C-alpha atoms as a PDB file:
ATOM      1  CA  MET A   1      25.602  -3.558  -4.954  1.00  0.00           C
ATOM      2  CA  PHE A   2      24.663  -4.896  -1.553  1.00  0.00           C
ATOM      3  CA  THR A   3      24.197  -8.318   0.215  1.00  0.00           C
ATOM      4  CA  GLY A   4      21.008  -7.741   2.019  1.00  0.00           C
ATOM      5  CA  ILE A   5      22.840  -8.214   5.491  1.00  0.00           C
ATOM      6  CA  ILE A   6      21.799  -5.213   7.610  1.00  0.00           C
ATOM      7  CA  GLU A   7      24.617  -3.463   9.366  1.00  0.00           C
ATOM      8  CA  THR A   8      22.658  -1.214  11.731  1.00  0.00           C
ATOM      9  CA  ILE A   9      19.314   0.633  12.252  1.00  0.00           C
ATOM     10  CA  GLY A  10      19.264   4.305  11.493  1.00  0.00           C
ATOM     11  CA  ILE A  11      16.800   6.707  13.059  1.00  0.00           C
ATOM     12  CA  VAL A  12      15.018   9.315  10.969  1.00  0.00           C
ATOM     13  CA  LYS A  13      15.581  12.710  12.539  1.00  0.00           C
ATOM     14  CA  LYS A  14      13.554  14.748   9.989  1.00  0.00           C
ATOM     15  CA  THR A  15      12.150  14.770   6.438  1.00  0.00           C
ATOM     16  CA  LYS A  16      11.754  17.741   4.232  1.00  0.00           C
ATOM     17  CA  ARG A  17      10.034  17.971   0.784  1.00  0.00           C
ATOM     18  CA  GLN A  18      11.876  19.754  -2.062  1.00  0.00           C
ATOM     19  CA  ASP A  19       9.620  19.928  -5.031  1.00  0.00           C
ATOM     20  CA  SER A  20       8.819  16.191  -5.740  1.00  0.00           C
ATOM     21  CA  ASN A  21      11.781  14.990  -3.831  1.00  0.00           C
ATOM     22  CA  LEU A  22      12.025  13.944  -0.194  1.00  0.00           C
ATOM     23  CA  ASN A  23      15.202  14.827   1.787  1.00  0.00           C
ATOM     24  CA  ILE A  24      15.603  12.473   4.799  1.00  0.00           C
ATOM     25  CA  TRP A  25      17.921  13.040   7.706  1.00  0.00           C
ATOM     26  CA  ILE A  26      19.207   9.934   9.457  1.00  0.00           C
ATOM     27  CA  GLU A  27      21.235   9.349  12.547  1.00  0.00           C
ATOM     28  CA  SER A  28      23.471   6.068  12.504  1.00  0.00           C
ATOM     29  CA  ASP A  29      26.300   4.449  14.195  1.00  0.00           C
ATOM     30  CA  PHE A  30      28.464   4.731  11.011  1.00  0.00           C
ATOM     31  CA  THR A  31      27.906   8.362  10.054  1.00  0.00           C
ATOM     32  CA  ASP A  32      31.441   9.382  10.950  1.00  0.00           C
ATOM     33  CA  GLU A  33      32.698   6.752   8.490  1.00  0.00           C
ATOM     34  CA  LEU A  34      30.688   8.128   5.564  1.00  0.00           C
ATOM     35  CA  LYS A  35      31.498  10.491   2.741  1.00  0.00           C
ATOM     36  CA  ILE A  36      29.387  12.582   0.243  1.00  0.00           C
ATOM     37  CA  ASP A  37      28.363  10.567  -2.731  1.00  0.00           C
ATOM     38  CA  GLN A  38      28.433   7.275  -0.972  1.00  0.00           C
ATOM     39  CA  SER A  39      25.698   4.703  -1.596  1.00  0.00           C
ATOM     40  CA  ILE A  40      23.655   3.283   1.231  1.00  0.00           C
ATOM     41  CA  SER A  41      20.846   0.948   1.304  1.00  0.00           C
ATOM     42  CA  HIS A  42      17.720   2.381   3.180  1.00  0.00           C
ATOM     43  CA  ASN A  43      15.102  -0.352   3.722  1.00  0.00           C
ATOM     44  CA  GLY A  44      16.491  -1.908   0.403  1.00  0.00           C
ATOM     45  CA  VAL A  45      16.659   1.511  -1.517  1.00  0.00           C
ATOM     46  CA  CYS A  46      20.041   2.586  -2.667  1.00  0.00           C
ATOM     47  CA  LEU A  47      20.433   6.326  -1.963  1.00  0.00           C
ATOM     48  CA  THR A  48      23.294   8.694  -2.156  1.00  0.00           C
ATOM     49  CA  VAL A  49      24.651  10.665   0.752  1.00  0.00           C
ATOM     50  CA  THR A  50      24.375  14.416  -0.091  1.00  0.00           C
ATOM     51  CA  GLU A  51      25.229  15.968   3.341  1.00  0.00           C
ATOM     52  CA  ILE A  52      26.847  15.042   6.614  1.00  0.00           C
ATOM     53  CA  SER A  53      26.527  16.939   9.931  1.00  0.00           C
ATOM     54  CA  GLY A  54      27.702  15.417  13.219  1.00  0.00           C
ATOM     55  CA  ASN A  55      26.106  12.031  13.600  1.00  0.00           C
ATOM     56  CA  GLN A  56      23.494  12.656  10.899  1.00  0.00           C
ATOM     57  CA  TYR A  57      23.515  12.481   7.013  1.00  0.00           C
ATOM     58  CA  CYS A  58      21.062  13.273   4.493  1.00  0.00           C
ATOM     59  CA  VAL A  59      19.826  11.463   1.418  1.00  0.00           C
ATOM     60  CA  THR A  60      17.296  12.471  -1.240  1.00  0.00           C
ATOM     61  CA  ALA A  61      14.639  10.161  -2.555  1.00  0.00           C
ATOM     62  CA  ILE A  62      13.094  11.182  -5.968  1.00  0.00           C
ATOM     63  CA  ASP A  63       9.467  10.910  -6.875  1.00  0.00           C
ATOM     64  CA  GLU A  64       9.903   7.598  -8.680  1.00  0.00           C
ATOM     65  CA  THR A  65      11.591   6.022  -5.662  1.00  0.00           C
ATOM     66  CA  LEU A  66       8.835   7.351  -3.495  1.00  0.00           C
ATOM     67  CA  LYS A  67       6.159   5.870  -5.746  1.00  0.00           C
ATOM     68  CA  ARG A  68       7.876   2.452  -5.758  1.00  0.00           C
ATOM     69  CA  SER A  69       8.805   2.157  -2.163  1.00  0.00           C
ATOM     70  CA  ASN A  70       7.673   2.797   1.389  1.00  0.00           C
ATOM     71  CA  LEU A  71      10.115   5.620   2.013  1.00  0.00           C
ATOM     72  CA  GLY A  72       7.541   8.311   1.573  1.00  0.00           C
ATOM     73  CA  GLU A  73       6.049   6.869   4.770  1.00  0.00           C
ATOM     74  CA  LEU A  74       9.029   7.633   6.997  1.00  0.00           C
ATOM     75  CA  LYS A  75       8.700  10.154   9.670  1.00  0.00           C
ATOM     76  CA  GLU A  76      10.604  11.386  12.614  1.00  0.00           C
ATOM     77  CA  ASN A  77      11.830   8.411  14.702  1.00  0.00           C
ATOM     78  CA  SER A  78      11.109   5.844  12.083  1.00  0.00           C
ATOM     79  CA  ARG A  79      13.680   3.073  12.158  1.00  0.00           C
ATOM     80  CA  VAL A  80      15.405   2.208   8.884  1.00  0.00           C
ATOM     81  CA  ASN A  81      17.555  -0.829   7.876  1.00  0.00           C
ATOM     82  CA  LEU A  82      20.948   0.293   6.683  1.00  0.00           C
ATOM     83  CA  GLU A  83      23.694  -1.269   4.697  1.00  0.00           C
ATOM     84  CA  ARG A  84      26.736   0.295   3.096  1.00  0.00           C
ATOM     85  CA  CYS A  85      27.703  -1.150  -0.271  1.00  0.00           C
ATOM     86  CA  MET A  86      29.520  -4.347  -0.278  1.00  0.00           C
ATOM     87  CA  ARG A  87      33.413  -4.610  -0.953  1.00  0.00           C
ATOM     88  CA  LEU A  88      34.375  -7.077  -3.635  1.00  0.00           C
ATOM     89  CA  ASN A  89      37.055  -8.563  -1.466  1.00  0.00           C
ATOM     90  CA  GLU A  90      34.487  -9.803   1.217  1.00  0.00           C
ATOM     91  CA  ARG A  91      32.171 -12.731   1.536  1.00  0.00           C
ATOM     92  CA  LEU A  92      28.800 -12.413   0.089  1.00  0.00           C
ATOM     93  CA  ASP A  93      26.818 -13.417   3.125  1.00  0.00           C
ATOM     94  CA  GLY A  94      23.204 -12.778   1.728  1.00  0.00           C
ATOM     95  CA  HIS A  95      22.621 -12.487  -2.048  1.00  0.00           C
ATOM     96  CA  ILE A  96      23.133 -10.134  -4.821  1.00  0.00           C
ATOM     97  CA  VAL A  97      21.015  -7.054  -4.035  1.00  0.00           C
ATOM     98  CA  GLN A  98      21.076  -4.129  -6.296  1.00  0.00           C
ATOM     99  CA  GLY A  99      19.264  -1.615  -4.144  1.00  0.00           C
ATOM    100  CA  HIS A 100      16.549  -1.174  -6.781  1.00  0.00           C
ATOM    101  CA  VAL A 101      13.166  -1.849  -5.223  1.00  0.00           C
ATOM    102  CA  ASP A 102      10.702  -3.622  -7.664  1.00  0.00           C
ATOM    103  CA  GLN A 103       7.559  -2.850  -5.772  1.00  0.00           C
ATOM    104  CA  THR A 104       5.975  -3.026  -2.154  1.00  0.00           C
ATOM    105  CA  ALA A 105       4.210  -5.757  -0.381  1.00  0.00           C
ATOM    106  CA  ILE A 106       1.682  -5.782   2.479  1.00  0.00           C
ATOM    107  CA  LEU A 107       2.406  -7.910   5.663  1.00  0.00           C
ATOM    108  CA  LYS A 108      -0.576 -10.126   5.972  1.00  0.00           C
ATOM    109  CA  SER A 109       0.260 -12.040   9.181  1.00  0.00           C
ATOM    110  CA  VAL A 110       3.081 -13.006  11.690  1.00  0.00           C
ATOM    111  CA  THR A 111       2.840 -16.448  13.145  1.00  0.00           C
ATOM    112  CA  ASN A 112       5.036 -17.634  16.156  1.00  0.00           C
ATOM    113  CA  GLN A 113       6.730 -20.820  15.287  1.00  0.00           C
ATOM    114  CA  ASP A 114       8.344 -21.870  18.539  1.00  0.00           C
ATOM    115  CA  GLY A 115      11.664 -20.083  18.096  1.00  0.00           C
ATOM    116  CA  SER A 116      11.145 -18.243  14.728  1.00  0.00           C
ATOM    117  CA  SER A 117       8.460 -16.043  13.212  1.00  0.00           C
ATOM    118  CA  LEU A 118       6.712 -16.909   9.867  1.00  0.00           C
ATOM    119  CA  PHE A 119       5.985 -13.541   8.040  1.00  0.00           C
ATOM    120  CA  LEU A 120       3.340 -13.776   5.260  1.00  0.00           C
ATOM    121  CA  PHE A 121       3.444 -11.065   2.582  1.00  0.00           C
ATOM    122  CA  GLU A 122       1.180 -10.326  -0.254  1.00  0.00           C
ATOM    123  CA  TYR A 123       1.998  -8.225  -3.332  1.00  0.00           C
ATOM    124  CA  ASP A 124       0.466  -7.528  -6.854  1.00  0.00           C
ATOM    125  CA  GLU A 125       2.248  -9.898  -9.201  1.00  0.00           C
ATOM    126  CA  LYS A 126      -0.342  -9.266 -11.971  1.00  0.00           C
ATOM    127  CA  SER A 127       0.680  -5.830 -12.711  1.00  0.00           C
ATOM    128  CA  THR A 128       4.540  -6.506 -12.366  1.00  0.00           C
ATOM    129  CA  GLY A 129       4.998 -10.078 -13.197  1.00  0.00           C
ATOM    130  CA  ASN A 130       7.466 -10.424 -10.283  1.00  0.00           C
ATOM    131  CA  VAL A 131       7.716 -14.014  -8.794  1.00  0.00           C
ATOM    132  CA  THR A 132       9.279 -15.701  -5.898  1.00  0.00           C
ATOM    133  CA  VAL A 133      10.479 -19.311  -5.764  1.00  0.00           C
ATOM    134  CA  GLU A 134      10.271 -21.612  -2.800  1.00  0.00           C
ATOM    135  CA  LYS A 135      13.765 -21.687  -1.210  1.00  0.00           C
ATOM    136  CA  GLY A 136      14.866 -18.893  -3.469  1.00  0.00           C
ATOM    137  CA  SER A 137      15.992 -15.374  -2.301  1.00  0.00           C
ATOM    138  CA  VAL A 138      13.937 -12.305  -1.721  1.00  0.00           C
ATOM    139  CA  CYS A 139      15.035  -8.847  -0.267  1.00  0.00           C
ATOM    140  CA  VAL A 140      12.440  -7.494   2.240  1.00  0.00           C
ATOM    141  CA  ASN A 141      13.279  -3.951   3.444  1.00  0.00           C
ATOM    142  CA  GLY A 142      16.826  -4.455   2.539  1.00  0.00           C
ATOM    143  CA  ILE A 143      17.008  -7.871   4.265  1.00  0.00           C
ATOM    144  CA  SER A 144      18.118 -10.903   2.312  1.00  0.00           C
ATOM    145  CA  LEU A 145      15.633 -13.708   3.203  1.00  0.00           C
ATOM    146  CA  THR A 146      14.893 -17.203   1.928  1.00  0.00           C
ATOM    147  CA  VAL A 147      11.448 -17.920   0.709  1.00  0.00           C
ATOM    148  CA  VAL A 148       9.728 -20.606   2.649  1.00  0.00           C
ATOM    149  CA  ASP A 149       6.436 -20.978   0.697  1.00  0.00           C
ATOM    150  CA  SER A 150       5.592 -19.276  -2.639  1.00  0.00           C
ATOM    151  CA  ALA A 151       2.293 -18.837  -4.315  1.00  0.00           C
ATOM    152  CA  PRO A 152       1.036 -16.325  -7.006  1.00  0.00           C
ATOM    153  CA  GLY A 153       1.071 -12.976  -5.357  1.00  0.00           C
ATOM    154  CA  GLU A 154       2.216 -14.056  -1.912  1.00  0.00           C
ATOM    155  CA  PHE A 155       5.223 -15.632  -0.053  1.00  0.00           C
ATOM    156  CA  SER A 156       6.401 -16.276   3.432  1.00  0.00           C
ATOM    157  CA  VAL A 157       9.750 -16.006   5.152  1.00  0.00           C
ATOM    158  CA  ALA A 158      10.865 -17.494   8.446  1.00  0.00           C
ATOM    159  CA  ILE A 159      12.789 -14.949  10.609  1.00  0.00           C
ATOM    160  CA  ILE A 160      15.190 -16.024  13.266  1.00  0.00           C
ATOM    161  CA  PRO A 161      15.169 -14.136  16.641  1.00  0.00           C
ATOM    162  CA  TYR A 162      18.580 -12.373  15.819  1.00  0.00           C
ATOM    163  CA  THR A 163      17.232 -10.929  12.594  1.00  0.00           C
ATOM    164  CA  LEU A 164      14.002  -9.849  14.230  1.00  0.00           C
ATOM    165  CA  GLU A 165      15.927  -8.036  16.965  1.00  0.00           C
ATOM    166  CA  HIS A 166      18.441  -6.384  14.710  1.00  0.00           C
ATOM    167  CA  THR A 167      16.318  -5.155  11.915  1.00  0.00           C
ATOM    168  CA  ASN A 168      13.026  -3.085  11.591  1.00  0.00           C
ATOM    169  CA  LEU A 169      10.988  -6.193  10.931  1.00  0.00           C
ATOM    170  CA  LYS A 170      10.132  -6.304  14.619  1.00  0.00           C
ATOM    171  CA  ASP A 171       8.280  -2.865  14.235  1.00  0.00           C
ATOM    172  CA  LEU A 172       6.017  -4.367  11.519  1.00  0.00           C
ATOM    173  CA  LYS A 173       2.317  -5.051  12.040  1.00  0.00           C
ATOM    174  CA  PRO A 174      -0.236  -6.612   9.663  1.00  0.00           C
ATOM    175  CA  GLY A 175      -1.273  -4.078   7.031  1.00  0.00           C
ATOM    176  CA  ASP A 176       2.235  -2.373   6.905  1.00  0.00           C
ATOM    177  CA  ARG A 177       4.048  -2.042   3.561  1.00  0.00           C
ATOM    178  CA  VAL A 178       7.596  -3.312   2.935  1.00  0.00           C
ATOM    179  CA  ASN A 179       9.971  -2.783   0.073  1.00  0.00           C
ATOM    180  CA  LEU A 180      10.631  -5.889  -2.160  1.00  0.00           C
ATOM    181  CA  GLU A 181      13.516  -6.603  -4.498  1.00  0.00           C
ATOM    182  CA  PHE A 182      13.187  -9.965  -6.203  1.00  0.00           C
ATOM    183  CA  ASP A 183      16.164 -12.160  -7.061  1.00  0.00           C
ATOM    184  CA  ILE A 184      17.984 -10.746 -10.000  1.00  0.00           C
ATOM    185  CA  ILE A 185      18.501 -14.114 -11.522  1.00  0.00           C
ATOM    186  CA  GLY A 186      14.893 -15.115 -11.210  1.00  0.00           C
ATOM    187  CA  LYS A 187      13.839 -11.767 -12.889  1.00  0.00           C
ATOM    188  CA  TYR A 188      16.089 -12.274 -15.901  1.00  0.00           C
ATOM    189  CA  VAL A 189      15.018 -16.045 -16.132  1.00  0.00           C
ATOM    190  CA  LYS A 190      11.254 -14.954 -16.108  1.00  0.00           C
ATOM    191  CA  ARG A 191      11.941 -12.390 -18.768  1.00  0.00           C
ATOM    192  CA  LEU A 192      13.616 -14.870 -21.002  1.00  0.00           C
ATOM    193  CA  MET A 193      10.776 -17.340 -20.580  1.00  0.00           C
ATOM    194  CA  ASN A 194       8.200 -14.821 -21.483  1.00  0.00           C
ATOM    195  CA  GLN A 195       9.821 -13.765 -24.762  1.00  0.00           C
END
């Protein structure tokens, strides 16, 4: 379980295919605090630490994860949003995030709003049934964000300068794919309403 508050940016050092899996080696500020079997959110995807060597650690993304997320697009020097799992005795600063990416979205545009940036994303809601709600929560590349505007198949979020500087959102350009995890409460309510 995660909060969507990014701790640090990791740098991909190498990737290697192993059958249908992808092993990803990442350098991070907190590698020396990690242990094997620990869960880390990578751009919103919960992956297990399988190896540690110096200031790098390795995680493995299976085929299902690669199909549902943007992790298959990672290459050497890609920047990855990282968050370790939350502790139950701490504040929940973001929202409840499982680390289970629902689908990807495409960045349509970024608009400067005199102090913040408005990011507009488009996703295929017809095939998945996922929805956003104005002023509700959504997780984009592992970042807990508040929806500004919501319409079928698209939504916008306003990004403050701190978030832009301390996440990989600043690397994005229109046409890039991001990982989405929709609000867990909203997903269950929608499912109940569709029964």
